PDB file of N, CA and C in Angstrom:
ATOM      1  N   UNK A   1       0.820  -1.181   0.000  1.00  0.00           N
ATOM      2  CA  UNK A   1       0.000   0.000   0.000  1.00  0.00           C
ATOM      3  C   UNK A   1       0.868   1.251   0.000  1.00  0.00           C
ATOM      4  N   UNK A   2       1.971   1.245   0.767  1.00  0.00           N
ATOM      5  CA  UNK A   2       2.853   2.408   0.825  1.00  0.00           C
ATOM      6  C   UNK A   2       3.369   2.761  -0.561  1.00  0.00           C
ATOM      7  N   UNK A   3       3.667   1.764  -1.368  1.00  0.00           N
ATOM      8  CA  UNK A   3       4.156   2.003  -2.716  1.00  0.00           C
ATOM      9  C   UNK A   3       3.151   2.724  -3.592  1.00  0.00           C
ATOM     10  N   UNK A   4       1.872   2.511  -3.355  1.00  0.00           N
ATOM     11  CA  UNK A   4       0.828   3.158  -4.156  1.00  0.00           C
ATOM     12  C   UNK A   4       0.661   4.635  -3.791  1.00  0.00           C
ATOM     13  N   UNK A   5       1.048   5.014  -2.575  1.00  0.00           N
ATOM     14  CA  UNK A   5       0.885   6.390  -2.096  1.00  0.00           C
ATOM     15  C   UNK A   5       2.181   6.878  -1.440  1.00  0.00           C
ATOM     16  N   UNK A   6       3.232   7.035  -2.195  1.00  0.00           N
ATOM     17  CA  UNK A   6       4.535   7.359  -1.597  1.00  0.00           C
ATOM     18  C   UNK A   6       4.602   8.752  -0.956  1.00  0.00           C
ATOM     19  N   UNK A   7       3.709   9.657  -1.317  1.00  0.00           N
ATOM     20  CA  UNK A   7       3.760  11.005  -0.762  1.00  0.00           C
ATOM     21  C   UNK A   7       2.899  11.203   0.484  1.00  0.00           C
ATOM     22  N   UNK A   8       2.168  10.180   0.872  1.00  0.00           N
ATOM     23  CA  UNK A   8       1.336  10.276   2.077  1.00  0.00           C
ATOM     24  C   UNK A   8       2.234  10.280   3.307  1.00  0.00           C
ATOM     25  N   UNK A   9       1.995  11.210   4.215  1.00  0.00           N
ATOM     26  CA  UNK A   9       2.762  11.270   5.457  1.00  0.00           C
ATOM     27  C   UNK A   9       2.079  10.378   6.479  1.00  0.00           C
ATOM     28  N   UNK A  10       2.823   9.424   6.984  1.00  0.00           N
ATOM     29  CA  UNK A  10       2.322   8.511   8.007  1.00  0.00           C
ATOM     30  C   UNK A  10       3.119   8.774   9.273  1.00  0.00           C
ATOM     31  N   UNK A  11       2.415   8.969  10.373  1.00  0.00           N
ATOM     32  CA  UNK A  11       3.116   9.266  11.626  1.00  0.00           C
ATOM     33  C   UNK A  11       3.174   8.036  12.517  1.00  0.00           C
ATOM     34  N   UNK A  12       4.154   8.059  13.390  1.00  0.00           N
ATOM     35  CA  UNK A  12       4.196   7.112  14.489  1.00  0.00           C
ATOM     36  C   UNK A  12       3.774   7.923  15.716  1.00  0.00           C
ATOM     37  N   UNK A  13       2.687   7.519  16.347  1.00  0.00           N
ATOM     38  CA  UNK A  13       2.145   8.216  17.515  1.00  0.00           C
ATOM     39  C   UNK A  13       2.616   7.486  18.770  1.00  0.00           C
ATOM     40  N   UNK A  14       3.499   8.119  19.511  1.00  0.00           N
ATOM     41  CA  UNK A  14       4.071   7.480  20.688  1.00  0.00           C
ATOM     42  C   UNK A  14       4.617   8.538  21.629  1.00  0.00           C
ATOM     43  N   UNK A  15       4.907   8.130  22.836  1.00  0.00           N
ATOM     44  CA  UNK A  15       5.604   9.014  23.761  1.00  0.00           C
ATOM     45  C   UNK A  15       6.913   8.388  24.204  1.00  0.00           C
ATOM     46  N   UNK A  16       7.254   7.230  23.623  1.00  0.00           N
ATOM     47  CA  UNK A  16       8.470   6.504  23.987  1.00  0.00           C
ATOM     48  C   UNK A  16       9.502   6.569  22.862  1.00  0.00           C
ATOM     49  N   UNK A  17      10.725   6.971  23.204  1.00  0.00           N
ATOM     50  CA  UNK A  17      11.761   7.103  22.168  1.00  0.00           C
ATOM     51  C   UNK A  17      12.113   5.759  21.537  1.00  0.00           C
ATOM     52  N   UNK A  18      12.023   4.668  22.308  1.00  0.00           N
ATOM     53  CA  UNK A  18      12.358   3.353  21.753  1.00  0.00           C
ATOM     54  C   UNK A  18      11.398   2.983  20.626  1.00  0.00           C
ATOM     55  N   UNK A  19      10.119   3.242  20.829  1.00  0.00           N
ATOM     56  CA  UNK A  19       9.109   2.956  19.799  1.00  0.00           C
ATOM     57  C   UNK A  19       9.341   3.858  18.595  1.00  0.00           C
ATOM     58  N   UNK A  20       9.588   5.127  18.855  1.00  0.00           N
ATOM     59  CA  UNK A  20       9.822   6.067  17.756  1.00  0.00           C
ATOM     60  C   UNK A  20      11.037   5.657  16.936  1.00  0.00           C
ATOM     61  N   UNK A  21      12.122   5.260  17.586  1.00  0.00           N
ATOM     62  CA  UNK A  21      13.339   4.864  16.862  1.00  0.00           C
ATOM     63  C   UNK A  21      13.059   3.654  15.973  1.00  0.00           C
ATOM     64  N   UNK A  22      12.339   2.711  16.481  1.00  0.00           N
ATOM     65  CA  UNK A  22      12.032   1.502  15.698  1.00  0.00           C
ATOM     66  C   UNK A  22      11.133   1.810  14.512  1.00  0.00           C
ATOM     67  N   UNK A  23      10.132   2.634  14.717  1.00  0.00           N
ATOM     68  CA  UNK A  23       9.128   2.888  13.683  1.00  0.00           C
ATOM     69  C   UNK A  23       9.428   4.085  12.792  1.00  0.00           C
ATOM     70  N   UNK A  24      10.189   5.048  13.267  1.00  0.00           N
ATOM     71  CA  UNK A  24      10.412   6.273  12.493  1.00  0.00           C
ATOM     72  C   UNK A  24      11.270   6.038  11.269  1.00  0.00           C
ATOM     73  N   UNK A  25      11.963   4.934  11.204  1.00  0.00           N
ATOM     74  CA  UNK A  25      12.774   4.643  10.021  1.00  0.00           C
ATOM     75  C   UNK A  25      11.923   4.635   8.756  1.00  0.00           C
ATOM     76  N   UNK A  26      10.676   4.255   8.892  1.00  0.00           N
ATOM     77  CA  UNK A  26       9.784   4.192   7.730  1.00  0.00           C
ATOM     78  C   UNK A  26       8.710   5.264   7.767  1.00  0.00           C
ATOM     79  N   UNK A  27       8.803   6.190   8.697  1.00  0.00           N
ATOM     80  CA  UNK A  27       7.819   7.255   8.823  1.00  0.00           C
ATOM     81  C   UNK A  27       8.526   8.590   8.686  1.00  0.00           C
ATOM     82  N   UNK A  28       7.761   9.618   8.384  1.00  0.00           N
ATOM     83  CA  UNK A  28       8.354  10.944   8.274  1.00  0.00           C
ATOM     84  C   UNK A  28       7.877  11.875   9.370  1.00  0.00           C
ATOM     85  N   UNK A  29       7.089  11.343  10.303  1.00  0.00           N
ATOM     86  CA  UNK A  29       6.516  12.196  11.343  1.00  0.00           C
ATOM     87  C   UNK A  29       6.390  11.425  12.651  1.00  0.00           C
ATOM     88  N   UNK A  30       6.886  12.028  13.722  1.00  0.00           N
ATOM     89  CA  UNK A  30       6.703  11.466  15.060  1.00  0.00           C
ATOM     90  C   UNK A  30       5.730  12.386  15.786  1.00  0.00           C
ATOM     91  N   UNK A  31       4.623  11.825  16.236  1.00  0.00           N
ATOM     92  CA  UNK A  31       3.634  12.579  17.000  1.00  0.00           C
ATOM     93  C   UNK A  31       3.869  12.270  18.475  1.00  0.00           C
ATOM     94  N   UNK A  32       4.462  13.222  19.169  1.00  0.00           N
ATOM     95  CA  UNK A  32       4.760  13.068  20.596  1.00  0.00           C
ATOM     96  C   UNK A  32       3.455  13.169  21.381  1.00  0.00           C
ATOM     97  N   UNK A  33       2.851  12.039  21.622  1.00  0.00           N
ATOM     98  CA  UNK A  33       1.486  12.009  22.154  1.00  0.00           C
ATOM     99  C   UNK A  33       1.361  12.393  23.628  1.00  0.00           C
ATOM    100  N   UNK A  34       2.481  12.543  24.350  1.00  0.00           N
ATOM    101  CA  UNK A  34       2.390  12.976  25.746  1.00  0.00           C
ATOM    102  C   UNK A  34       3.236  14.196  26.036  1.00  0.00           C
ATOM    103  N   UNK A  35       3.405  15.035  25.045  1.00  0.00           N
ATOM    104  CA  UNK A  35       3.965  16.366  25.255  1.00  0.00           C
ATOM    105  C   UNK A  35       5.339  16.444  25.884  1.00  0.00           C
ATOM    106  N   UNK A  36       6.286  15.665  25.382  1.00  0.00           N
ATOM    107  CA  UNK A  36       7.660  15.797  25.845  1.00  0.00           C
ATOM    108  C   UNK A  36       8.026  14.990  27.064  1.00  0.00           C
ATOM    109  N   UNK A  37       7.193  14.050  27.449  1.00  0.00           N
ATOM    110  CA  UNK A  37       7.490  13.245  28.639  1.00  0.00           C
ATOM    111  C   UNK A  37       8.820  12.521  28.481  1.00  0.00           C
ATOM    112  N   UNK A  38       9.048  11.929  27.326  1.00  0.00           N
ATOM    113  CA  UNK A  38      10.322  11.261  27.036  1.00  0.00           C
ATOM    114  C   UNK A  38      11.204  12.265  26.303  1.00  0.00           C
ATOM    115  N   UNK A  39      12.191  12.783  26.982  1.00  0.00           N
ATOM    116  CA  UNK A  39      13.022  13.846  26.418  1.00  0.00           C
ATOM    117  C   UNK A  39      13.857  13.382  25.230  1.00  0.00           C
ATOM    118  N   UNK A  40      13.978  12.100  25.006  1.00  0.00           N
ATOM    119  CA  UNK A  40      14.802  11.590  23.900  1.00  0.00           C
ATOM    120  C   UNK A  40      14.053  11.518  22.574  1.00  0.00           C
ATOM    121  N   UNK A  41      12.747  11.783  22.567  1.00  0.00           N
ATOM    122  CA  UNK A  41      11.997  11.755  21.297  1.00  0.00           C
ATOM    123  C   UNK A  41      12.552  12.753  20.294  1.00  0.00           C
ATOM    124  N   UNK A  42      12.926  13.930  20.751  1.00  0.00           N
ATOM    125  CA  UNK A  42      13.477  14.939  19.846  1.00  0.00           C
ATOM    126  C   UNK A  42      14.778  14.443  19.221  1.00  0.00           C
ATOM    127  N   UNK A  43      15.607  13.753  19.991  1.00  0.00           N
ATOM    128  CA  UNK A  43      16.852  13.194  19.461  1.00  0.00           C
ATOM    129  C   UNK A  43      16.563  12.180  18.359  1.00  0.00           C
ATOM    130  N   UNK A  44      15.574  11.340  18.585  1.00  0.00           N
ATOM    131  CA  UNK A  44      15.212  10.330  17.596  1.00  0.00           C
ATOM    132  C   UNK A  44      14.714  10.993  16.319  1.00  0.00           C
ATOM    133  N   UNK A  45      13.896  12.023  16.439  1.00  0.00           N
ATOM    134  CA  UNK A  45      13.414  12.740  15.255  1.00  0.00           C
ATOM    135  C   UNK A  45      14.590  13.292  14.467  1.00  0.00           C
ATOM    136  N   UNK A  46      15.560  13.881  15.175  1.00  0.00           N
ATOM    137  CA  UNK A  46      16.736  14.440  14.506  1.00  0.00           C
ATOM    138  C   UNK A  46      17.539  13.339  13.818  1.00  0.00           C
ATOM    139  N   UNK A  47      17.748  12.218  14.501  1.00  0.00           N
ATOM    140  CA  UNK A  47      18.510  11.103  13.933  1.00  0.00           C
ATOM    141  C   UNK A  47      17.857  10.534  12.676  1.00  0.00           C
ATOM    142  N   UNK A  48      16.532  10.430  12.706  1.00  0.00           N
ATOM    143  CA  UNK A  48      15.793   9.791  11.617  1.00  0.00           C
ATOM    144  C   UNK A  48      15.394  10.770  10.521  1.00  0.00           C
ATOM    145  N   UNK A  49      15.586  12.053  10.759  1.00  0.00           N
ATOM    146  CA  UNK A  49      15.161  13.048   9.781  1.00  0.00           C
ATOM    147  C   UNK A  49      13.650  13.169   9.682  1.00  0.00           C
ATOM    148  N   UNK A  50      12.976  12.856  10.774  1.00  0.00           N
ATOM    149  CA  UNK A  50      11.512  12.924  10.804  1.00  0.00           C
ATOM    150  C   UNK A  50      11.070  14.236  11.434  1.00  0.00           C
ATOM    151  N   UNK A  51       9.916  14.728  11.028  1.00  0.00           N
ATOM    152  CA  UNK A  51       9.305  15.874  11.697  1.00  0.00           C
ATOM    153  C   UNK A  51       8.777  15.388  13.043  1.00  0.00           C
ATOM    154  N   UNK A  52       8.595  16.329  13.977  1.00  0.00           N
ATOM    155  CA  UNK A  52       8.056  15.970  15.285  1.00  0.00           C
ATOM    156  C   UNK A  52       6.948  16.948  15.656  1.00  0.00           C
ATOM    157  N   UNK A  53       5.843  16.388  16.157  1.00  0.00           N
ATOM    158  CA  UNK A  53       4.722  17.203  16.629  1.00  0.00           C
ATOM    159  C   UNK A  53       4.955  17.488  18.102  1.00  0.00           C
ATOM    160  N   UNK A  54       5.051  18.764  18.447  1.00  0.00           N
ATOM    161  CA  UNK A  54       5.213  19.187  19.837  1.00  0.00           C
ATOM    162  C   UNK A  54       3.818  19.440  20.398  1.00  0.00           C
ATOM    163  N   UNK A  55       3.420  18.632  21.358  1.00  0.00           N
ATOM    164  CA  UNK A  55       2.061  18.728  21.878  1.00  0.00           C
ATOM    165  C   UNK A  55       2.064  19.052  23.365  1.00  0.00           C
ATOM    166  N   UNK A  56       0.889  19.268  23.891  1.00  0.00           N
ATOM    167  CA  UNK A  56       0.697  19.623  25.286  1.00  0.00           C
ATOM    168  C   UNK A  56      -0.332  18.662  25.869  1.00  0.00           C
ATOM    169  N   UNK A  57       0.044  17.976  26.927  1.00  0.00           N
ATOM    170  CA  UNK A  57      -0.870  17.018  27.548  1.00  0.00           C
ATOM    171  C   UNK A  57      -1.072  17.337  29.017  1.00  0.00           C
ATOM    172  N   UNK A  58      -1.074  18.605  29.347  1.00  0.00           N
ATOM    173  CA  UNK A  58      -1.336  19.004  30.719  1.00  0.00           C
ATOM    174  C   UNK A  58      -0.214  18.708  31.684  1.00  0.00           C
ATOM    175  N   UNK A  59       0.968  18.417  31.163  1.00  0.00           N
ATOM    176  CA  UNK A  59       2.145  18.094  31.975  1.00  0.00           C
ATOM    177  C   UNK A  59       1.891  16.915  32.918  1.00  0.00           C
ATOM    178  N   UNK A  60       0.981  16.070  32.523  1.00  0.00           N
ATOM    179  CA  UNK A  60       0.642  14.895  33.327  1.00  0.00           C
ATOM    180  C   UNK A  60       1.482  13.701  32.907  1.00  0.00           C
ATOM    181  N   UNK A  61       1.619  12.738  33.805  1.00  0.00           N
ATOM    182  CA  UNK A  61       2.309  11.494  33.483  1.00  0.00           C
ATOM    183  C   UNK A  61       1.522  10.770  32.393  1.00  0.00           C
ATOM    184  N   UNK A  62       2.198  10.043  31.527  1.00  0.00           N
ATOM    185  CA  UNK A  62       1.476   9.279  30.504  1.00  0.00           C
ATOM    186  C   UNK A  62       0.395   8.396  31.115  1.00  0.00           C
ATOM    187  N   UNK A  63      -0.698   8.338  30.394  1.00  0.00           N
ATOM    188  CA  UNK A  63      -1.870   7.543  30.762  1.00  0.00           C
ATOM    189  C   UNK A  63      -2.705   8.170  31.875  1.00  0.00           C
ATOM    190  N   UNK A  64      -2.402   9.394  32.260  1.00  0.00           N
ATOM    191  CA  UNK A  64      -3.193  10.107  33.256  1.00  0.00           C
ATOM    192  C   UNK A  64      -4.318  10.833  32.539  1.00  0.00           C
ATOM    193  N   UNK A  65      -5.473  10.882  33.125  1.00  0.00           N
ATOM    194  CA  UNK A  65      -6.576  11.641  32.529  1.00  0.00           C
ATOM    195  C   UNK A  65      -6.330  13.126  32.774  1.00  0.00           C
ATOM    196  N   UNK A  66      -6.006  13.887  31.713  1.00  0.00           N
ATOM    197  CA  UNK A  66      -5.644  15.293  31.920  1.00  0.00           C
ATOM    198  C   UNK A  66      -6.815  16.231  32.175  1.00  0.00           C
ATOM    199  N   UNK A  67      -8.032  15.719  32.342  1.00  0.00           N
ATOM    200  CA  UNK A  67      -9.172  16.606  32.531  1.00  0.00           C
ATOM    201  C   UNK A  67      -9.166  17.308  33.884  1.00  0.00           C
ATOM    202  N   UNK A  68      -8.335  16.897  34.807  1.00  0.00           N
ATOM    203  CA  UNK A  68      -8.293  17.532  36.130  1.00  0.00           C
ATOM    204  C   UNK A  68      -7.196  18.578  36.254  1.00  0.00           C
ATOM    205  N   UNK A  69      -6.581  18.918  35.166  1.00  0.00           N
ATOM    206  CA  UNK A  69      -5.496  19.894  35.183  1.00  0.00           C
ATOM    207  C   UNK A  69      -6.076  21.298  35.299  1.00  0.00           C
ATOM    208  N   UNK A  70      -5.455  22.127  36.128  1.00  0.00           N
ATOM    209  CA  UNK A  70      -5.895  23.510  36.295  1.00  0.00           C
ATOM    210  C   UNK A  70      -4.738  24.438  35.950  1.00  0.00           C
ATOM    211  N   UNK A  71      -5.049  25.564  35.353  1.00  0.00           N
ATOM    212  CA  UNK A  71      -4.041  26.522  34.922  1.00  0.00           C
ATOM    213  C   UNK A  71      -4.413  27.915  35.388  1.00  0.00           C
ATOM    214  N   UNK A  72      -3.403  28.706  35.734  1.00  0.00           N
ATOM    215  CA  UNK A  72      -3.628  30.124  35.977  1.00  0.00           C
ATOM    216  C   UNK A  72      -3.895  30.808  34.639  1.00  0.00           C
ATOM    217  N   UNK A  73      -3.155  30.357  33.593  1.00  0.00           N
ATOM    218  CA  UNK A  73      -3.305  30.914  32.246  1.00  0.00           C
ATOM    219  C   UNK A  73      -3.019  29.787  31.262  1.00  0.00           C
ATOM    220  N   UNK A  74      -4.059  29.113  30.788  1.00  0.00           N
ATOM    221  CA  UNK A  74      -3.880  27.932  29.951  1.00  0.00           C
ATOM    222  C   UNK A  74      -3.119  28.243  28.670  1.00  0.00           C
ATOM    223  N   UNK A  75      -3.385  29.346  28.019  1.00  0.00           N
ATOM    224  CA  UNK A  75      -2.695  29.661  26.770  1.00  0.00           C
ATOM    225  C   UNK A  75      -1.213  29.904  26.998  1.00  0.00           C
ATOM    226  N   UNK A  76      -0.877  30.593  28.066  1.00  0.00           N
ATOM    227  CA  UNK A  76       0.533  30.830  28.378  1.00  0.00           C
ATOM    228  C   UNK A  76       1.240  29.504  28.630  1.00  0.00           C
ATOM    229  N   UNK A  77       0.594  28.600  29.364  1.00  0.00           N
ATOM    230  CA  UNK A  77       1.190  27.309  29.651  1.00  0.00           C
ATOM    231  C   UNK A  77       1.383  26.493  28.376  1.00  0.00           C
ATOM    232  N   UNK A  78       0.376  26.448  27.528  1.00  0.00           N
ATOM    233  CA  UNK A  78       0.472  25.692  26.272  1.00  0.00           C
ATOM    234  C   UNK A  78       1.584  26.263  25.404  1.00  0.00           C
ATOM    235  N   UNK A  79       1.615  27.581  25.246  1.00  0.00           N
ATOM    236  CA  UNK A  79       2.656  28.201  24.417  1.00  0.00           C
ATOM    237  C   UNK A  79       4.042  27.975  25.002  1.00  0.00           C
ATOM    238  N   UNK A  80       4.212  28.207  26.291  1.00  0.00           N
ATOM    239  CA  UNK A  80       5.519  28.006  26.920  1.00  0.00           C
ATOM    240  C   UNK A  80       6.002  26.570  26.742  1.00  0.00           C
ATOM    241  N   UNK A  81       5.097  25.630  26.986  1.00  0.00           N
ATOM    242  CA  UNK A  81       5.476  24.220  26.933  1.00  0.00           C
ATOM    243  C   UNK A  81       5.797  23.773  25.509  1.00  0.00           C
ATOM    244  N   UNK A  82       4.942  24.066  24.560  1.00  0.00           N
ATOM    245  CA  UNK A  82       5.173  23.592  23.191  1.00  0.00           C
ATOM    246  C   UNK A  82       6.375  24.294  22.556  1.00  0.00           C
ATOM    247  N   UNK A  83       6.584  25.567  22.857  1.00  0.00           N
ATOM    248  CA  UNK A  83       7.772  26.244  22.335  1.00  0.00           C
ATOM    249  C   UNK A  83       9.047  25.678  22.955  1.00  0.00           C
ATOM    250  N   UNK A  84       9.001  25.298  24.224  1.00  0.00           N
ATOM    251  CA  UNK A  84      10.158  24.658  24.859  1.00  0.00           C
ATOM    252  C   UNK A  84      10.458  23.319  24.189  1.00  0.00           C
ATOM    253  N   UNK A  85       9.420  22.576  23.815  1.00  0.00           N
ATOM    254  CA  UNK A  85       9.635  21.311  23.109  1.00  0.00           C
ATOM    255  C   UNK A  85      10.244  21.555  21.736  1.00  0.00           C
ATOM    256  N   UNK A  86       9.805  22.584  21.050  1.00  0.00           N
ATOM    257  CA  UNK A  86      10.383  22.919  19.741  1.00  0.00           C
ATOM    258  C   UNK A  86      11.861  23.281  19.889  1.00  0.00           C
ATOM    259  N   UNK A  87      12.190  24.061  20.922  1.00  0.00           N
ATOM    260  CA  UNK A  87      13.597  24.406  21.167  1.00  0.00           C
ATOM    261  C   UNK A  87      14.408  23.149  21.478  1.00  0.00           C
ATOM    262  N   UNK A  88      13.824  22.222  22.241  1.00  0.00           N
ATOM    263  CA  UNK A  88      14.514  20.964  22.556  1.00  0.00           C
ATOM    264  C   UNK A  88      14.839  20.208  21.274  1.00  0.00           C
ATOM    265  N   UNK A  89      13.895  20.177  20.346  1.00  0.00           N
ATOM    266  CA  UNK A  89      14.118  19.488  19.071  1.00  0.00           C
ATOM    267  C   UNK A  89      15.254  20.146  18.295  1.00  0.00           C
ATOM    268  N   UNK A  90      15.289  21.468  18.274  1.00  0.00           N
ATOM    269  CA  UNK A  90      16.350  22.178  17.558  1.00  0.00           C
ATOM    270  C   UNK A  90      17.715  21.910  18.192  1.00  0.00           C
ATOM    271  N   UNK A  91      17.775  21.928  19.514  1.00  0.00           N
ATOM    272  CA  UNK A  91      19.030  21.653  20.218  1.00  0.00           C
ATOM    273  C   UNK A  91      19.484  20.217  19.942  1.00  0.00           C
ATOM    274  N   UNK A  92      18.528  19.296  19.809  1.00  0.00           N
ATOM    275  CA  UNK A  92      18.861  17.893  19.546  1.00  0.00           C
ATOM    276  C   UNK A  92      19.358  17.681  18.114  1.00  0.00           C
ATOM    277  N   UNK A  93      19.231  18.718  17.273  1.00  0.00           N
ATOM    278  CA  UNK A  93      19.732  18.604  15.910  1.00  0.00           C
ATOM    279  C   UNK A  93      18.680  18.464  14.854  1.00  0.00           C
ATOM    280  N   UNK A  94      17.409  18.603  15.242  1.00  0.00           N
ATOM    281  CA  UNK A  94      16.339  18.477  14.258  1.00  0.00           C
ATOM    282  C   UNK A  94      16.407  19.631  13.275  1.00  0.00           C
ATOM    283  N   UNK A  95      16.197  19.311  12.019  1.00  0.00           N
ATOM    284  CA  UNK A  95      16.046  20.320  10.983  1.00  0.00           C
ATOM    285  C   UNK A  95      14.817  19.958  10.182  1.00  0.00           C
ATOM    286  N   UNK A  96      14.264  20.927   9.502  1.00  0.00           N
ATOM    287  CA  UNK A  96      13.070  20.664   8.702  1.00  0.00           C
ATOM    288  C   UNK A  96      13.384  19.580   7.675  1.00  0.00           C
ATOM    289  N   UNK A  97      12.583  18.504   7.629  1.00  0.00           N
ATOM    290  CA  UNK A  97      12.816  17.461   6.637  1.00  0.00           C
ATOM    291  C   UNK A  97      12.890  18.049   5.238  1.00  0.00           C
ATOM    292  N   UNK A  98      13.872  17.604   4.491  1.00  0.00           N
ATOM    293  CA  UNK A  98      14.052  18.084   3.139  1.00  0.00           C
ATOM    294  C   UNK A  98      14.918  19.320   3.037  1.00  0.00           C
ATOM    295  N   UNK A  99      15.386  19.844   4.196  1.00  0.00           N
ATOM    296  CA  UNK A  99      16.218  21.045   4.129  1.00  0.00           C
ATOM    297  C   UNK A  99      17.686  20.698   4.311  1.00  0.00           C
TER     298      UNK A  99
END
């Protein structure tokens, strides 16, 4: 099926760097499903030349229901956290795929 649609972007959705390393070899996108919990995901994205989605999961431990999270300023927290993840990816050596 991949051969029929070579331009389709398929992501590996995980929060574990080990899973990302194994699967990202054939993917072009790592979706960090728990918002930076595993700090090595950015390194794996850089190594594999994959894009990485920087997300926000309420700063909760993986598998925690984030509906009980409270914020003084939710937008500030989301922006601060996701921008910090983007900076982490850049420091780890990530560059835009294809550049």
